[in-house]
Amino acid sequence: PCGCRTDSHVSVSITYQWAEAVWAAQGNPSLWQTPEMLVEIETAWSLSGYLLVCFSAGYFIHDTVDIVISRQARASWEYLVHHVMAMGAFFSGIFWKSFVGGGVLTLLVEVSNIFLTMRMMMKINNAQDLLLYRVNKYVNLVMYFLFRLAPQAYLTNFFLQYAGQRTLGSFLLAILLMLDVMILIYFSRLLRSDFCPERVPSQQHKDKFLTE
């Protein structure tokens, strides 16, 4: 989501983020009842994890179609690139039932996205001076490390060591490395916007509400 997207889209995104975050981090037995999915990322499988990946792929398809239909493709090209790469990775789990554990692990990012969305909504309403915003920006930073950077680094290390030599693993590794670059760019934007605002051009303050 960004400042130019519709209210209905924001509502759908927020609903998806909460549902996904609860499912991935708390209600999903894939990680807590089947912890081997954290180790056997390629072969471990559970029905809950599989359905979670299917649900997420469906949302990305919906969001991609919404971007195109609403004629926001040029303004939201970063999201389109992200969604296409994410769908390519999820489809490996859906159709080949491989790397479902990796898909579940990446979806922990939705926990972080909740705080990013809170940040976006407060910036849209010019509420950066509120105590809630100042508290949220530090919580957001911690969540970004725990649920975005850490899982991404873990998966990247796994694919570099074990999966990159296989055909499907090489394909997913390429997607993962591109996502790594995007995530680091978004992280630098977040740091500049919330912790070094004097270095951020005024136009960026106006247009950039989220960093993903």
Protein backbone atom coordinates (compact mmCIF):
# COMPACT_ATOMS: atom_id res chain seq x y z
CA PRO A 1 0.00 0.00 0.00
CA CYS A 2 1.01 3.59 -0.56
CA GLY A 3 -0.64 6.98 -0.32
CA CYS A 4 -2.22 6.69 -3.76
CA ARG A 5 -4.05 3.41 -3.12
CA THR A 6 -7.77 3.28 -2.33
CA ASP A 7 -9.30 2.94 1.12
CA SER A 8 -10.80 -0.42 0.16
CA HIS A 9 -7.37 -1.70 -0.79
CA VAL A 10 -5.91 -0.55 2.53
CA SER A 11 -8.75 -2.32 4.37
CA VAL A 12 -8.09 -5.56 2.49
CA SER A 13 -4.36 -5.27 3.15
CA ILE A 14 -4.83 -4.68 6.87
CA THR A 15 -7.24 -7.61 7.15
CA TYR A 16 -4.80 -9.85 5.30
CA GLN A 17 -1.86 -8.76 7.44
CA TRP A 18 -3.65 -9.50 10.71
CA ALA A 19 -4.98 -12.84 9.52
CA GLU A 20 -1.59 -13.82 8.10
CA ALA A 21 0.33 -12.66 11.15
CA VAL A 22 -1.86 -14.59 13.59
CA TRP A 23 -1.82 -17.67 11.38
CA ALA A 24 1.94 -17.63 10.76
CA ALA A 25 3.15 -16.60 14.21
CA GLN A 26 0.59 -17.95 16.64
CA GLY A 27 -2.11 -20.12 15.16
CA ASN A 28 -0.01 -22.01 12.65
CA PRO A 29 0.98 -25.46 13.95
CA SER A 30 3.50 -25.70 11.11
CA LEU A 31 6.15 -23.98 13.20
CA TRP A 32 5.19 -24.83 16.76
CA GLN A 33 3.83 -28.36 16.34
CA THR A 34 6.07 -29.26 13.39
CA PRO A 35 9.37 -27.53 14.29
CA GLU A 36 11.29 -29.64 11.79
CA MET A 37 9.96 -27.25 9.16
CA LEU A 38 12.60 -24.82 10.41
CA VAL A 39 15.31 -27.36 9.59
CA GLU A 40 13.89 -29.47 6.78
CA ILE A 41 12.84 -26.41 4.82
CA GLU A 42 12.63 -28.29 1.53
CA THR A 43 10.88 -31.51 2.49
CA ALA A 44 8.90 -30.83 5.69
CA TRP A 45 5.19 -30.39 5.03
CA SER A 46 1.98 -29.75 6.96
CA LEU A 47 -1.57 -29.06 5.86
CA SER A 48 -1.72 -25.81 7.81
CA GLY A 49 1.50 -24.55 6.25
CA TYR A 50 0.36 -25.57 2.78
CA LEU A 51 -2.97 -23.76 3.19
CA LEU A 52 -1.16 -20.71 4.54
CA VAL A 53 1.00 -20.54 1.40
CA CYS A 54 -2.10 -20.97 -0.80
CA PHE A 55 -3.91 -18.20 1.09
CA SER A 56 -0.96 -15.85 0.68
CA ALA A 57 -0.58 -16.60 -3.03
CA GLY A 58 -4.27 -15.80 -3.46
CA TYR A 59 -3.83 -12.44 -1.76
CA PHE A 60 -0.83 -11.54 -3.93
CA ILE A 61 -2.82 -12.44 -7.05
CA HIS A 62 -5.70 -10.26 -5.84
CA ASP A 63 -3.39 -7.35 -5.02
CA THR A 64 -1.61 -7.59 -8.38
CA VAL A 65 -4.92 -7.53 -10.27
CA ASP A 66 -6.10 -4.62 -8.12
CA ILE A 67 -2.96 -2.61 -8.92
CA VAL A 68 -3.39 -3.18 -12.65
CA ILE A 69 -7.14 -2.50 -12.73
CA SER A 70 -6.80 0.68 -10.65
CA ARG A 71 -4.11 1.88 -13.10
CA GLN A 72 -1.49 2.20 -10.38
CA ALA A 73 1.05 -0.06 -12.08
CA ARG A 74 3.52 2.74 -12.74
CA ALA A 75 3.29 4.21 -9.24
CA SER A 76 3.33 0.77 -7.61
CA TRP A 77 5.83 -1.04 -9.82
CA GLU A 78 7.90 -2.09 -6.79
CA TYR A 79 4.90 -3.95 -5.39
CA LEU A 80 4.29 -5.66 -8.72
CA VAL A 81 7.89 -6.87 -8.87
CA HIS A 82 7.68 -8.08 -5.27
CA HIS A 83 4.36 -9.85 -5.85
CA VAL A 84 5.54 -11.61 -9.01
CA MET A 85 8.64 -12.91 -7.24
CA ALA A 86 6.65 -13.96 -4.19
CA MET A 87 4.07 -15.79 -6.30
CA GLY A 88 6.84 -17.57 -8.19
CA ALA A 89 8.23 -18.83 -4.89
CA PHE A 90 4.83 -19.79 -3.44
CA PHE A 91 3.83 -21.72 -6.55
CA SER A 92 6.74 -24.11 -5.96
CA GLY A 93 5.14 -25.02 -2.67
CA ILE A 94 1.62 -25.18 -4.08
CA PHE A 95 2.26 -27.27 -7.18
CA TRP A 96 5.36 -29.27 -6.21
CA LYS A 97 4.83 -29.26 -2.43
CA SER A 98 8.48 -28.37 -1.96
CA PHE A 99 9.93 -25.67 0.31
CA VAL A 100 6.60 -25.18 2.12
CA GLY A 101 8.62 -24.61 5.28
CA GLY A 102 10.48 -21.78 3.58
CA GLY A 103 7.20 -20.20 2.52
CA VAL A 104 5.83 -20.39 6.05
CA LEU A 105 9.01 -18.85 7.44
CA THR A 106 8.92 -15.91 5.03
CA LEU A 107 5.30 -15.20 5.96
CA LEU A 108 6.35 -14.31 9.50
CA VAL A 109 7.04 -10.95 7.86
CA GLU A 110 3.34 -10.15 8.22
CA VAL A 111 3.90 -9.62 11.96
CA SER A 112 6.27 -6.80 11.04
CA ASN A 113 3.84 -5.47 8.45
CA ILE A 114 1.24 -4.74 11.13
CA PHE A 115 3.51 -2.11 12.66
CA LEU A 116 4.48 -0.78 9.25
CA THR A 117 0.80 -0.29 8.48
CA MET A 118 0.24 1.49 11.80
CA ARG A 119 3.14 3.76 10.88
CA MET A 120 1.62 4.43 7.46
CA MET A 121 -1.81 5.29 8.86
CA MET A 122 -0.35 7.73 11.40
CA LYS A 123 1.82 9.42 8.75
CA ILE A 124 -1.18 9.78 6.43
CA ASN A 125 -2.98 11.57 9.28
CA ASN A 126 0.09 13.70 10.16
CA ALA A 127 0.30 12.13 13.61
CA GLN A 128 4.09 11.84 13.79
CA ASP A 129 4.14 13.96 16.97
CA LEU A 130 2.02 11.50 18.92
CA LEU A 131 3.65 9.36 21.60
CA LEU A 132 2.12 6.31 19.92
CA TYR A 133 4.04 7.06 16.73
CA ARG A 134 7.33 7.49 18.58
CA VAL A 135 6.81 4.23 20.47
CA ASN A 136 5.69 2.41 17.32
CA LYS A 137 8.77 3.42 15.34
CA TYR A 138 11.03 1.63 17.83
CA VAL A 139 8.74 -1.40 18.10
CA ASN A 140 8.58 -1.42 14.30
CA LEU A 141 12.36 -1.47 14.12
CA VAL A 142 12.59 -4.45 16.49
CA MET A 143 9.86 -6.32 14.61
CA TYR A 144 11.61 -5.59 11.33
CA PHE A 145 14.73 -7.30 12.64
CA LEU A 146 12.93 -10.26 14.21
CA PHE A 147 10.34 -11.05 11.57
CA ARG A 148 11.79 -9.70 8.35
CA LEU A 149 15.58 -9.50 8.39
CA ALA A 150 16.27 -12.54 10.58
CA PRO A 151 14.05 -15.04 8.68
CA GLN A 152 15.34 -13.69 5.37
CA ALA A 153 18.96 -14.11 6.48
CA TYR A 154 18.25 -17.63 7.76
CA LEU A 155 16.63 -18.66 4.47
CA THR A 156 19.36 -17.06 2.37
CA ASN A 157 22.01 -18.96 4.33
CA PHE A 158 20.07 -22.22 3.92
CA PHE A 159 19.69 -21.83 0.16
CA LEU A 160 23.30 -20.80 -0.32
CA GLN A 161 24.53 -23.88 1.56
CA TYR A 162 22.09 -26.61 0.63
CA ALA A 163 19.45 -25.78 -1.95
CA GLY A 164 21.21 -23.61 -4.50
CA GLN A 165 22.71 -26.59 -6.34
CA ARG A 166 19.32 -27.99 -7.35
CA THR A 167 17.21 -26.73 -10.22
CA LEU A 168 14.24 -25.54 -8.17
CA GLY A 169 16.55 -24.45 -5.38
CA SER A 170 18.55 -22.29 -7.78
CA PHE A 171 15.36 -20.65 -9.02
CA LEU A 172 14.21 -19.89 -5.46
CA LEU A 173 17.69 -18.69 -4.49
CA ALA A 174 17.61 -16.15 -7.33
CA ILE A 175 14.24 -14.88 -6.12
CA LEU A 176 15.48 -14.80 -2.53
CA LEU A 177 18.58 -12.76 -3.40
CA MET A 178 16.48 -10.21 -5.31
CA LEU A 179 14.13 -9.94 -2.35
CA ASP A 180 17.16 -9.48 -0.07
CA VAL A 181 18.17 -6.43 -2.09
CA MET A 182 14.65 -5.00 -1.97
CA ILE A 183 14.33 -5.57 1.78
CA LEU A 184 17.66 -3.85 2.48
CA ILE A 185 16.62 -0.88 0.33
CA TYR A 186 13.31 -0.64 2.20
CA PHE A 187 15.14 -0.89 5.52
CA SER A 188 17.44 1.99 4.60
CA ARG A 189 14.39 4.08 3.63
CA LEU A 190 12.77 3.29 6.95
CA LEU A 191 15.86 4.31 8.91
CA ARG A 192 16.25 7.54 6.97
CA SER A 193 12.59 8.45 7.31
CA ASP A 194 12.14 7.73 11.03
CA PHE A 195 15.60 8.25 12.48
CA CYS A 196 17.31 10.67 10.07
CA PRO A 197 14.38 12.77 8.81
CA GLU A 198 16.57 15.79 8.06
CA ARG A 199 18.20 13.76 5.26
CA VAL A 200 14.90 12.82 3.59
CA PRO A 201 13.61 15.17 0.86
CA SER A 202 10.24 16.74 1.61
CA GLN A 203 8.67 15.08 -1.44
CA GLN A 204 9.67 11.67 -0.08
CA HIS A 205 8.03 12.54 3.24
CA LYS A 206 4.86 13.24 1.35
CA ASP A 207 4.72 10.16 -0.84
CA LYS A 208 6.52 7.37 0.99
CA PHE A 209 4.44 6.00 3.88
CA LEU A 210 5.52 2.37 3.80
CA THR A 211 8.86 0.82 3.09
CA GLU A 212 7.75 -2.50 1.61
